[in-house]
N, C-alpha and C. Protein backbone atom coordinates (compact mmCIF):
# COMPACT_ATOMS: atom_id res chain seq x y z
N MET A 1 0.39 -1.35 0.01
CA MET A 1 -0.20 0.41 -0.04
C MET A 1 0.82 1.22 0.08
N ALA A 2 2.26 1.28 -0.04
CA ALA A 2 3.06 2.20 -0.44
C ALA A 2 3.25 2.80 -1.62
N GLY A 3 2.46 4.63 -1.52
CA GLY A 3 2.32 5.20 -2.90
C GLY A 3 3.34 6.02 -2.64
N GLN A 4 3.18 5.97 -4.18
CA GLN A 4 4.50 6.72 -4.92
C GLN A 4 4.25 8.41 -5.27
N PHE A 5 4.16 9.13 -4.60
CA PHE A 5 3.68 10.70 -4.48
C PHE A 5 5.16 11.44 -4.78
N ARG A 6 6.85 10.63 -4.07
CA ARG A 6 7.52 11.60 -4.25
C ARG A 6 8.31 11.47 -5.66
N SER A 7 8.82 12.29 -6.37
CA SER A 7 10.00 12.58 -7.22
C SER A 7 10.90 13.31 -6.83
N TYR A 8 12.24 12.05 -7.31
CA TYR A 8 13.72 12.94 -7.61
C TYR A 8 13.63 13.05 -8.69
N VAL A 9 13.13 13.68 -9.01
CA VAL A 9 13.35 14.38 -10.38
C VAL A 9 13.22 15.79 -10.60
N TRP A 10 14.37 16.99 -10.51
CA TRP A 10 14.35 17.96 -10.23
C TRP A 10 13.43 18.35 -11.74
N ASP A 11 12.51 19.36 -11.64
CA ASP A 11 11.96 19.99 -12.76
C ASP A 11 11.77 21.10 -13.15
N PRO A 12 12.91 21.74 -13.68
CA PRO A 12 13.00 23.65 -13.51
C PRO A 12 12.18 24.24 -14.01
N VAL A 13 11.20 23.42 -15.11
CA VAL A 13 9.73 24.38 -15.29
C VAL A 13 8.86 24.31 -14.24
N LEU A 14 8.67 23.22 -13.52
CA LEU A 14 7.93 23.42 -12.67
C LEU A 14 8.40 24.96 -11.58
N ILE A 15 9.46 24.45 -11.06
CA ILE A 15 10.09 25.65 -10.44
C ILE A 15 9.98 27.63 -10.17
N LEU A 16 10.33 27.00 -12.25
CA LEU A 16 10.48 28.95 -12.51
C LEU A 16 8.74 28.92 -12.67
N SER A 17 8.26 28.10 -13.40
CA SER A 17 6.49 28.80 -13.35
C SER A 17 6.03 28.85 -11.99
N GLN A 18 6.41 28.73 -10.33
CA GLN A 18 5.96 28.61 -9.38
C GLN A 18 6.78 29.88 -9.02
N ILE A 19 7.69 30.05 -8.87
CA ILE A 19 8.59 31.48 -8.36
C ILE A 19 7.59 32.88 -9.61
N VAL A 20 7.37 31.88 -10.41
CA VAL A 20 6.58 33.70 -11.31
C VAL A 20 5.44 33.99 -11.12
N LEU A 21 4.77 32.63 -10.91
CA LEU A 21 3.32 33.15 -9.84
C LEU A 21 3.28 33.47 -8.66
N MET A 22 4.42 33.37 -7.90
CA MET A 22 4.73 33.37 -6.39
C MET A 22 4.38 35.16 -7.12
N GLN A 23 5.54 36.05 -8.11
CA GLN A 23 5.45 37.15 -7.96
C GLN A 23 4.59 37.50 -8.53
N THR A 24 4.29 37.11 -9.43
CA THR A 24 2.52 37.82 -10.13
C THR A 24 2.08 38.00 -8.84
N VAL A 25 0.91 37.57 -7.69
CA VAL A 25 0.54 37.14 -6.91
C VAL A 25 0.93 38.50 -6.11
N TYR A 26 1.90 38.31 -5.77
CA TYR A 26 2.85 39.46 -4.76
C TYR A 26 2.39 41.10 -5.65
N TYR A 27 2.63 40.85 -6.63
CA TYR A 27 3.17 42.46 -6.97
C TYR A 27 1.33 42.80 -7.96
N GLY A 28 0.44 41.91 -7.85
CA GLY A 28 -0.79 42.02 -8.34
C GLY A 28 -1.69 42.39 -7.27
N SER A 29 -1.41 41.94 -5.39
CA SER A 29 -2.27 41.90 -4.51
C SER A 29 -1.54 43.01 -4.37
N LEU A 30 -0.62 43.61 -3.97
CA LEU A 30 0.40 44.87 -3.90
C LEU A 30 -0.10 45.90 -4.47
N GLY A 31 -0.52 45.87 -5.73
CA GLY A 31 -1.12 46.57 -6.26
C GLY A 31 -2.58 47.27 -6.61
N LEU A 32 -3.16 46.35 -6.32
CA LEU A 32 -4.43 46.44 -5.53
C LEU A 32 -4.76 46.41 -4.36
N TRP A 33 -3.50 47.13 -3.39
CA TRP A 33 -3.84 47.26 -2.14
C TRP A 33 -3.55 48.97 -2.39
N LEU A 34 -2.44 49.05 -3.16
CA LEU A 34 -2.17 50.55 -3.37
C LEU A 34 -3.20 51.23 -4.14
N ALA A 35 -4.12 50.93 -5.10
CA ALA A 35 -5.38 51.15 -5.62
C ALA A 35 -6.53 51.89 -5.08
N LEU A 36 -6.24 50.56 -3.74
CA LEU A 36 -7.57 50.48 -2.45
C LEU A 36 -7.14 51.80 -1.84
N VAL A 37 -5.84 51.87 -1.20
CA VAL A 37 -5.11 52.84 0.09
C VAL A 37 -5.30 54.12 -0.63
N ASP A 38 -4.61 54.46 -1.74
CA ASP A 38 -4.87 55.81 -3.02
C ASP A 38 -6.39 55.69 -3.21
N GLY A 39 -7.22 55.04 -3.36
CA GLY A 39 -8.62 55.32 -3.45
C GLY A 39 -9.39 56.15 -1.93
N LEU A 40 -8.84 55.34 -1.33
CA LEU A 40 -9.52 55.97 -0.08
C LEU A 40 -9.19 57.33 0.65
N VAL A 41 -7.85 57.37 0.20
CA VAL A 41 -7.20 59.02 0.38
C VAL A 41 -7.72 59.79 -0.67
N ARG A 42 -7.74 59.75 -1.61
CA ARG A 42 -7.61 60.12 -3.03
C ARG A 42 -6.12 60.68 -3.35
N SER A 43 -5.86 60.10 -3.70
CA SER A 43 -4.40 60.36 -4.25
C SER A 43 -4.32 59.48 -5.38
N SER A 44 -3.54 60.42 -6.02
CA SER A 44 -2.78 60.04 -7.39
C SER A 44 -1.96 58.19 -7.39
N PRO A 45 -2.30 57.44 -8.11
CA PRO A 45 -1.74 56.29 -7.73
C PRO A 45 -0.27 56.30 -9.08
N SER A 46 0.69 55.38 -8.72
CA SER A 46 1.85 55.97 -9.10
C SER A 46 2.08 54.65 -9.18
N LEU A 47 3.61 54.02 -10.35
CA LEU A 47 4.27 53.29 -10.06
C LEU A 47 5.64 53.41 -9.26
N ASP A 48 5.48 54.55 -9.20
CA ASP A 48 6.77 55.01 -8.00
C ASP A 48 6.83 54.60 -6.62
N GLN A 49 4.89 54.13 -6.33
CA GLN A 49 4.68 54.22 -5.06
C GLN A 49 5.37 52.43 -4.77
N MET A 50 5.80 51.74 -5.94
CA MET A 50 5.55 50.50 -5.87
C MET A 50 7.55 50.24 -6.14
N PHE A 51 8.05 50.58 -6.60
CA PHE A 51 9.47 50.70 -7.13
C PHE A 51 9.93 51.78 -6.82
N ASP A 52 10.12 52.66 -5.99
CA ASP A 52 11.13 54.17 -5.74
C ASP A 52 11.65 54.08 -4.61
N ALA A 53 13.05 54.04 -4.19
CA ALA A 53 13.44 53.64 -3.02
C ALA A 53 13.03 54.77 -1.98
N GLU A 54 13.05 55.94 -2.86
CA GLU A 54 13.18 57.22 -2.39
C GLU A 54 11.40 57.43 -1.37
N ILE A 55 10.84 56.83 -2.29
CA ILE A 55 8.95 57.65 -1.42
C ILE A 55 9.07 56.74 -0.32
N LEU A 56 9.91 55.02 -0.54
CA LEU A 56 9.52 54.45 1.42
C LEU A 56 10.05 54.96 2.36
N GLY A 57 9.04 55.26 3.24
CA GLY A 57 9.21 55.74 4.58
C GLY A 57 8.21 56.85 4.61
N PHE A 58 7.97 56.91 6.38
CA PHE A 58 7.33 57.48 7.06
C PHE A 58 7.52 58.83 7.12
N SER A 59 7.91 59.45 6.91
CA SER A 59 8.75 60.65 6.74
C SER A 59 7.34 61.76 6.19
N THR A 60 6.73 61.49 4.47
CA THR A 60 5.88 62.15 3.95
C THR A 60 4.68 61.21 3.59
N PRO A 61 3.73 62.04 3.44
CA PRO A 61 2.15 61.15 3.83
C PRO A 61 2.14 59.97 2.37
N PRO A 62 2.82 60.14 0.75
CA PRO A 62 2.63 59.20 -0.18
C PRO A 62 3.74 58.11 0.57
N GLY A 63 4.96 58.58 1.21
CA GLY A 63 5.61 57.22 1.55
C GLY A 63 4.93 56.42 2.84
N ARG A 64 4.00 56.79 3.66
CA ARG A 64 2.98 56.53 5.09
C ARG A 64 2.02 55.58 3.91
N LEU A 65 1.51 55.79 3.12
CA LEU A 65 0.38 55.50 2.28
C LEU A 65 1.37 53.92 1.60
N SER A 66 1.97 53.91 1.59
CA SER A 66 2.50 53.07 0.76
C SER A 66 3.43 52.13 1.36
N MET A 67 3.73 52.44 2.70
CA MET A 67 3.99 51.54 3.96
C MET A 67 3.06 50.88 4.24
N MET A 68 1.57 51.56 4.52
CA MET A 68 0.27 50.82 4.73
C MET A 68 -0.28 49.97 3.99
N SER A 69 0.26 50.03 2.33
CA SER A 69 0.24 48.73 1.60
C SER A 69 1.38 47.92 1.50
N PHE A 70 1.72 48.06 1.56
CA PHE A 70 3.07 47.00 1.69
C PHE A 70 2.94 46.07 3.08
N ILE A 71 2.27 46.85 4.08
CA ILE A 71 1.98 46.15 5.84
C ILE A 71 0.92 45.17 4.93
N LEU A 72 0.09 46.09 4.65
CA LEU A 72 -1.59 44.81 3.88
C LEU A 72 -1.53 43.42 3.26
N ASN A 73 -0.32 44.24 2.86
CA ASN A 73 0.23 42.98 1.68
C ASN A 73 0.77 41.99 2.08
N ALA A 74 1.69 42.16 2.93
CA ALA A 74 2.26 41.37 3.66
C ALA A 74 1.31 40.51 4.78
N LEU A 75 0.71 41.58 4.91
CA LEU A 75 -0.58 40.31 6.01
C LEU A 75 -1.43 39.50 4.82
N THR A 76 -1.91 39.67 3.73
CA THR A 76 -2.55 39.06 2.95
C THR A 76 -1.68 38.28 3.20
């Protein structure tokens, strides 16, 4: 009755597709959180909120919004 559920062969296509899927889910949900938070405070959405390191910080209001979205995304 021993089942053979374990494979000892590396499947690079499966590994790469899982990496791509996880990145897509992460950035997709982050974009949704940023859009939701920006919509709630009536701020204009920008790609800089995701990719610009200077905007990330608690010293400016856009930085606070970005950090709030990153925290909500991490909790999601």
